[in-house]
Amino acid sequence: MTRPNIIFIVADDLGYADLGCYGGRDAAFGPVSPVLDGLAANGLKLTQGYSNSPVCSPTRFAMITARYQYRLRGAAEEPIRSSSRGSTTLGLPTDHPTLPSLLKAGGYQTALIGKWHLGYPPHFGPLRSGYDEFFGPMSGGVDYFTHCDSTGQHDLWFGEEDKKEDGYLTDILSKRAVDYVERMAVKQKQEKEEAPFFLSLHYTAPHWPWETRDDAEKAPTVKDNLFDLAGGNIHVYRRMIHHMDEGIGWIMAALEKHGMADNTLVVFTSDNGGERFSDNWPLVGGKMDLTEGGIRVPWIAHWPAVIAKGSESKQLCMTMDWSATMLDAAGVKADAAYPLDGVSLMPVLKDAKHSFRRPLHWRMNHRGQEAMRDGDWKYLKVDGNEYLFNIPADERERANLGKKEPERLAAMRKDWAAWNATMPGIPEDATVSLGYSVRDMPQR
């Protein structure tokens, strides 16, 4: 079998149960995510997949390096802010090997369509870190119609040039992705040698501001506060997810049209847990939290040549494992000077019954959070309070077993501390940026 094409689709702030295939309810207009539900039904759904962080840019550092984000200074920002334009330190170092740079060196065509959020030119950028092509926003959040960031600056780029383009951002990104697949299909037919492609499709949906493709008139009212604190509802939110799902359908249709679907690995996940209007049931918490709702996210893989239809796995895994898996699928080795923290899931893709021990670790500057998941058990520390949960028995993390099992709590605390000792400390000047507080809405 020739090496697969790879499409890495990442949603932004999508909740664990926002998709039908993860228990999400239909909207008033019908199923919210029929395309993604179909990919899960015809591929692999992982129910214990986690993001590397409960906030945007730190996860993206892990996603692109296949290493714990804590190793890099820029990832200590929770998250990188638009005001960091011009910074020489808050971004992805251009000399660090990345998923796209390693695949590119291995013969892949590479492109990022969508959100970057790993630092600004001239010091950082997608074209400086392994992507042949880039179209999308550099910052964390932009208006869907004006394409301006939270400082009011236009933030839609083609390569490293500001690019004005009319339209609803989710649809623009989907159409650009279809165009890329079409171009790669022509290239593969013209060239005698294998020319696989790697496409990162990183949507901003369903991240704020709360706008569907029919809400262009709202853009002027949210330009000075993209957090859209007085806007939005679950109906708008679900429609935003549906627009993304439709676009993914266009891309899958293009793959089918060119006979490429069978040997294309399509991966879908979210950069962190859900925000204001998301459905995380049965989990609690959300973005910025190391409770399950902030880090457990949908994980779907579709690759008919390898993955059996209707596969489902409870294998523990986190974002950087997808990156390691893609390198493995492509037959590309990591840089020996930058060993991966991510672990390949290829054995699980080939046989969903396969499982292995995979301890996972997190930390957050925000509220001094610490967490570790190992097997059924999770250690959690928030605001100085420690907790121990059996996750399969108590996914809502309501029954603290720390006093009942003090030895297990002590062992997991020690394990977390040993892991943390291998990571750089949190810099004193690292920032935590919260878009809203209890003054804007009640706590969860």
Foldseek 3Di string as FASTA:
>chain_A
DAFFFEEEEAEAQAAAQLAVCSPHDAAPVGHLFVLQNVLCQFFEWAQQEWALALAFPQSLCCQFQLARSLQAQLSLASHDAPVCAPPLRNFDQLVRATLQQLVVVVQEQEEEQEEAQGYAPPNDDDVSHRHPWYWYFDHLDAAQAQCADLVLHRGTDTGNDRDDDGFGNLLVSLVVLLVVLVVVLVVCVVDPDHHHYYYYRYYHPPQFDQDARPPPVCCVVCNNPRNNLVDDELNSRSNRSSSNSVSVVSNCVSCVVSVRQQRYKYKYKYNWAHDDHHDHPPEDDHRPDPGCRSIRIIIGIHHNNAGGRRHYANANAYSSQVSVQSCVSRVGDDDPVRDRPHHHPSVCRNPVVDYDWDKRWHFHPVQGWTWIDTPQWMWIAGVRDIFIDRCVVCVHRPDGCCVVCVVVNVVVVVVRVVVVVVGDDSDPPHYNDDSDDVVSPNDD
